[in-house]
N, C-alpha and C. Protein backbone atom coordinates (compact mmCIF):
# COMPACT_ATOMS: atom_id res chain seq x y z
N MET A 1 -38.33 68.54 197.08
CA MET A 1 -39.46 68.53 196.17
C MET A 1 -40.21 67.22 196.35
N GLY A 2 -41.52 67.25 196.46
CA GLY A 2 -42.33 66.05 196.62
C GLY A 2 -42.43 65.27 195.32
N VAL A 3 -42.82 64.02 195.45
CA VAL A 3 -42.95 63.16 194.28
C VAL A 3 -43.95 63.72 193.28
N ASP A 4 -45.07 64.24 193.77
CA ASP A 4 -46.07 64.79 192.86
C ASP A 4 -45.52 65.99 192.09
N ASN A 5 -44.77 66.85 192.76
CA ASN A 5 -44.16 67.99 192.08
C ASN A 5 -43.10 67.53 191.08
N SER A 6 -42.38 66.47 191.42
CA SER A 6 -41.38 65.93 190.51
C SER A 6 -42.03 65.41 189.24
N LEU A 7 -43.16 64.71 189.39
CA LEU A 7 -43.87 64.21 188.21
C LEU A 7 -44.35 65.36 187.32
N VAL A 8 -44.87 66.41 187.93
CA VAL A 8 -45.33 67.57 187.17
C VAL A 8 -44.16 68.21 186.43
N SER A 9 -43.03 68.32 187.08
CA SER A 9 -41.84 68.90 186.45
C SER A 9 -41.40 68.07 185.24
N VAL A 10 -41.42 66.76 185.38
CA VAL A 10 -41.02 65.89 184.27
C VAL A 10 -42.03 65.97 183.12
N VAL A 11 -43.32 66.05 183.44
CA VAL A 11 -44.34 66.20 182.40
C VAL A 11 -44.13 67.50 181.64
N ASP A 12 -43.84 68.57 182.34
CA ASP A 12 -43.59 69.86 181.68
C ASP A 12 -42.37 69.77 180.76
N TYR A 13 -41.32 69.12 181.23
CA TYR A 13 -40.11 68.91 180.43
C TYR A 13 -40.45 68.12 179.15
N GLY A 14 -41.19 67.03 179.33
CA GLY A 14 -41.51 66.15 178.21
C GLY A 14 -42.41 66.79 177.18
N ILE A 15 -43.43 67.52 177.62
CA ILE A 15 -44.38 68.10 176.67
C ILE A 15 -43.70 69.17 175.82
N ARG A 16 -42.74 69.87 176.39
CA ARG A 16 -42.01 70.88 175.61
C ARG A 16 -41.21 70.22 174.49
N ALA A 17 -40.51 69.14 174.84
CA ALA A 17 -39.73 68.42 173.83
C ALA A 17 -40.65 67.82 172.76
N MET A 18 -41.80 67.32 173.19
CA MET A 18 -42.76 66.75 172.24
C MET A 18 -43.32 67.81 171.30
N ALA A 19 -43.56 69.00 171.79
CA ALA A 19 -44.07 70.08 170.95
C ALA A 19 -43.09 70.39 169.82
N VAL A 20 -41.82 70.45 170.17
CA VAL A 20 -40.78 70.76 169.18
C VAL A 20 -40.66 69.65 168.13
N GLU A 21 -40.77 68.40 168.57
CA GLU A 21 -40.57 67.26 167.67
C GLU A 21 -41.86 66.76 167.01
N GLY A 22 -43.00 67.30 167.41
CA GLY A 22 -44.25 66.86 166.81
C GLY A 22 -44.76 65.55 167.38
N GLY A 23 -44.54 65.35 168.67
CA GLY A 23 -45.03 64.15 169.35
C GLY A 23 -43.91 63.41 170.05
N MET A 24 -44.30 62.36 170.75
CA MET A 24 -43.34 61.54 171.49
C MET A 24 -42.48 60.73 170.54
N THR A 25 -41.20 60.63 170.87
CA THR A 25 -40.26 59.78 170.15
C THR A 25 -39.57 58.88 171.17
N GLU A 26 -38.86 57.87 170.69
CA GLU A 26 -38.11 57.01 171.60
C GLU A 26 -37.07 57.80 172.37
N GLU A 27 -36.45 58.77 171.70
CA GLU A 27 -35.43 59.59 172.35
C GLU A 27 -36.03 60.44 173.47
N ILE A 28 -37.18 61.03 173.21
CA ILE A 28 -37.84 61.84 174.24
C ILE A 28 -38.27 60.95 175.40
N GLU A 29 -38.80 59.77 175.09
CA GLU A 29 -39.21 58.86 176.16
C GLU A 29 -38.01 58.51 177.05
N GLU A 30 -36.86 58.26 176.44
CA GLU A 30 -35.66 57.96 177.22
C GLU A 30 -35.25 59.15 178.09
N LYS A 31 -35.34 60.36 177.54
CA LYS A 31 -35.00 61.55 178.33
C LYS A 31 -35.99 61.76 179.48
N VAL A 32 -37.26 61.47 179.25
CA VAL A 32 -38.26 61.56 180.32
C VAL A 32 -37.91 60.58 181.42
N ARG A 33 -37.54 59.36 181.04
CA ARG A 33 -37.16 58.35 182.04
C ARG A 33 -35.89 58.77 182.80
N GLN A 34 -34.95 59.40 182.11
CA GLN A 34 -33.75 59.91 182.79
C GLN A 34 -34.12 60.99 183.79
N GLN A 35 -35.04 61.87 183.42
CA GLN A 35 -35.48 62.93 184.34
C GLN A 35 -36.16 62.34 185.57
N LEU A 36 -36.95 61.30 185.39
CA LEU A 36 -37.58 60.62 186.53
C LEU A 36 -36.50 60.07 187.46
N ASN A 37 -35.52 59.41 186.88
CA ASN A 37 -34.44 58.82 187.67
C ASN A 37 -33.67 59.89 188.44
N LEU A 38 -33.41 61.02 187.81
CA LEU A 38 -32.70 62.12 188.48
C LEU A 38 -33.47 62.64 189.69
N ARG A 39 -34.78 62.49 189.66
CA ARG A 39 -35.62 62.97 190.76
C ARG A 39 -35.95 61.87 191.77
N GLY A 40 -35.26 60.73 191.64
CA GLY A 40 -35.43 59.66 192.62
C GLY A 40 -36.65 58.79 192.40
N ILE A 41 -37.22 58.83 191.20
CA ILE A 41 -38.38 58.01 190.88
C ILE A 41 -37.92 56.89 189.95
N ASP A 42 -38.24 55.65 190.30
CA ASP A 42 -37.86 54.50 189.48
C ASP A 42 -38.63 54.56 188.16
N PRO A 43 -37.93 54.82 187.05
CA PRO A 43 -38.63 54.97 185.77
C PRO A 43 -39.33 53.69 185.31
N ASP A 44 -38.88 52.54 185.79
CA ASP A 44 -39.52 51.28 185.42
C ASP A 44 -40.90 51.13 186.07
N GLN A 45 -41.17 51.94 187.08
CA GLN A 45 -42.45 51.88 187.78
C GLN A 45 -43.44 52.93 187.27
N VAL A 46 -43.05 53.67 186.24
CA VAL A 46 -43.89 54.74 185.69
C VAL A 46 -44.43 54.31 184.33
N ARG A 47 -45.73 54.43 184.16
CA ARG A 47 -46.37 54.15 182.88
C ARG A 47 -46.54 55.48 182.15
N ILE A 48 -46.09 55.51 180.91
CA ILE A 48 -46.14 56.73 180.10
C ILE A 48 -47.18 56.56 179.00
N GLU A 49 -48.08 57.53 178.91
CA GLU A 49 -49.03 57.62 177.80
C GLU A 49 -48.75 58.94 177.10
N ALA A 50 -48.73 58.92 175.77
CA ALA A 50 -48.38 60.14 175.06
C ALA A 50 -48.89 60.10 173.62
N SER A 51 -48.91 61.27 173.01
CA SER A 51 -49.18 61.40 171.58
C SER A 51 -47.87 61.13 170.85
N TRP A 52 -47.85 60.05 170.09
CA TRP A 52 -46.63 59.69 169.38
C TRP A 52 -46.58 60.37 168.02
N GLN A 53 -45.36 60.59 167.53
CA GLN A 53 -45.17 61.16 166.20
C GLN A 53 -45.89 60.33 165.17
N PRO A 54 -46.35 60.93 164.09
CA PRO A 54 -46.35 62.35 163.80
C PRO A 54 -47.65 63.03 164.23
N VAL A 55 -47.51 64.13 164.91
CA VAL A 55 -48.65 64.98 165.23
C VAL A 55 -48.43 66.27 164.44
N GLN A 56 -49.35 66.58 163.57
CA GLN A 56 -49.18 67.70 162.65
C GLN A 56 -49.17 69.05 163.38
N PHE A 57 -48.59 70.02 162.72
CA PHE A 57 -48.47 71.39 163.22
C PHE A 57 -49.81 71.89 163.76
N GLN A 58 -49.79 72.43 164.94
CA GLN A 58 -50.90 73.05 165.66
C GLN A 58 -51.99 72.06 166.10
N GLU A 59 -51.70 70.76 166.03
CA GLU A 59 -52.62 69.77 166.60
C GLU A 59 -52.23 69.51 168.06
N GLU A 60 -53.22 69.07 168.84
CA GLU A 60 -53.00 68.86 170.28
C GLU A 60 -52.15 67.61 170.54
N ILE A 61 -51.25 67.73 171.51
CA ILE A 61 -50.47 66.61 172.00
C ILE A 61 -50.72 66.48 173.50
N PHE A 62 -50.48 65.28 174.04
CA PHE A 62 -50.63 65.10 175.49
C PHE A 62 -49.53 64.20 176.02
N LEU A 63 -49.25 64.35 177.30
CA LEU A 63 -48.31 63.49 178.00
C LEU A 63 -48.89 63.22 179.38
N ARG A 64 -48.93 61.94 179.73
CA ARG A 64 -49.50 61.52 181.01
C ARG A 64 -48.57 60.50 181.65
N LEU A 65 -48.24 60.71 182.93
CA LEU A 65 -47.41 59.78 183.69
C LEU A 65 -48.23 59.19 184.82
N HIS A 66 -48.19 57.88 184.97
CA HIS A 66 -48.87 57.18 186.06
C HIS A 66 -47.80 56.52 186.93
N TYR A 67 -47.88 56.73 188.23
CA TYR A 67 -46.89 56.16 189.16
C TYR A 67 -47.58 55.72 190.44
N ASP A 68 -47.38 54.47 190.81
CA ASP A 68 -47.89 53.97 192.09
C ASP A 68 -46.81 54.20 193.14
N TYR A 69 -47.00 55.26 193.91
CA TYR A 69 -46.01 55.68 194.91
C TYR A 69 -46.05 54.74 196.11
N PRO A 70 -44.93 54.05 196.38
CA PRO A 70 -44.90 53.15 197.53
C PRO A 70 -44.73 53.95 198.82
N LEU A 71 -45.54 53.61 199.81
CA LEU A 71 -45.49 54.33 201.08
C LEU A 71 -45.52 53.32 202.22
N ARG A 72 -44.63 53.53 203.18
CA ARG A 72 -44.59 52.68 204.37
C ARG A 72 -45.06 53.50 205.56
N LEU A 73 -46.01 52.94 206.27
CA LEU A 73 -46.52 53.56 207.49
C LEU A 73 -46.06 52.72 208.67
N PHE A 74 -45.39 53.36 209.60
CA PHE A 74 -44.85 52.65 210.75
C PHE A 74 -45.76 52.85 211.95
N ALA A 75 -46.06 51.76 212.61
CA ALA A 75 -46.86 51.78 213.83
C ALA A 75 -46.14 50.90 214.85
N ILE A 76 -46.62 50.88 216.04
CA ILE A 76 -46.00 50.07 217.07
C ILE A 76 -46.05 48.61 216.63
N GLU A 77 -44.87 48.02 216.49
CA GLU A 77 -44.70 46.61 216.13
C GLU A 77 -45.31 46.24 214.78
N ASP A 78 -45.48 47.18 213.90
CA ASP A 78 -46.08 46.86 212.61
C ASP A 78 -45.64 47.87 211.55
N VAL A 79 -45.56 47.41 210.33
CA VAL A 79 -45.28 48.27 209.19
C VAL A 79 -46.34 47.97 208.13
N LEU A 80 -47.03 49.01 207.72
CA LEU A 80 -48.06 48.87 206.69
C LEU A 80 -47.51 49.46 205.40
N GLU A 81 -47.50 48.66 204.34
CA GLU A 81 -47.02 49.12 203.05
C GLU A 81 -48.22 49.30 202.12
N ILE A 82 -48.35 50.50 201.59
CA ILE A 82 -49.44 50.81 200.66
C ILE A 82 -48.86 51.52 199.45
N THR A 83 -49.65 51.63 198.42
CA THR A 83 -49.26 52.44 197.26
C THR A 83 -50.34 53.49 197.03
N ILE A 84 -49.87 54.65 196.63
CA ILE A 84 -50.77 55.76 196.32
C ILE A 84 -50.65 56.04 194.82
N PRO A 85 -51.73 55.89 194.07
CA PRO A 85 -51.65 56.16 192.63
C PRO A 85 -51.54 57.66 192.37
N LEU A 86 -50.48 58.04 191.68
CA LEU A 86 -50.27 59.44 191.31
C LEU A 86 -50.31 59.56 189.79
N LYS A 87 -50.80 60.69 189.32
CA LYS A 87 -50.86 60.94 187.89
C LYS A 87 -50.52 62.40 187.64
N ALA A 88 -49.70 62.62 186.63
CA ALA A 88 -49.41 63.98 186.17
C ALA A 88 -49.65 64.00 184.67
N GLU A 89 -50.34 65.04 184.20
CA GLU A 89 -50.63 65.11 182.77
C GLU A 89 -50.71 66.56 182.32
N THR A 90 -50.45 66.74 181.05
CA THR A 90 -50.59 68.06 180.46
C THR A 90 -50.83 67.91 178.96
N VAL A 91 -51.26 68.98 178.36
CA VAL A 91 -51.47 69.01 176.91
C VAL A 91 -50.66 70.17 176.34
N GLY A 92 -50.41 70.09 175.06
CA GLY A 92 -49.69 71.14 174.36
C GLY A 92 -50.10 71.13 172.90
N ILE A 93 -49.38 71.89 172.11
CA ILE A 93 -49.65 72.00 170.68
C ILE A 93 -48.36 71.68 169.92
N SER A 94 -48.49 70.84 168.90
CA SER A 94 -47.33 70.49 168.08
C SER A 94 -46.84 71.72 167.33
N GLU A 95 -45.53 71.91 167.35
CA GLU A 95 -44.90 73.02 166.63
C GLU A 95 -44.14 72.53 165.41
N HIS A 96 -44.22 71.23 165.15
CA HIS A 96 -43.41 70.62 164.09
C HIS A 96 -44.21 70.53 162.79
N VAL A 97 -43.55 70.86 161.70
CA VAL A 97 -44.17 70.73 160.37
C VAL A 97 -43.53 69.52 159.70
N PHE A 98 -44.34 68.48 159.45
CA PHE A 98 -43.86 67.30 158.75
C PHE A 98 -44.07 67.52 157.26
N ARG A 99 -43.08 67.20 156.48
CA ARG A 99 -43.18 67.38 155.02
C ARG A 99 -43.21 66.04 154.33
């Protein structure tokens, strides 16, 4: 699975958890970082933007991951190191009722 597909998969995982809880929580953020790590992405290199709790029932939530993907290009007697900015994002609807 490519890095871009991995980011999309983690965003999908995170937005579902956020919908149930009514927004991002510290626990969900930690689980998102664990999912990144499981897919070989350094979670410390990923910037997370999200709708934090409380997001009321049926209001829009979002999750966005930014990652500067390090890439090495090899040429004769030279190595070029560049980064490619990747972003994965999605929106959802809060399913949580805060009382």
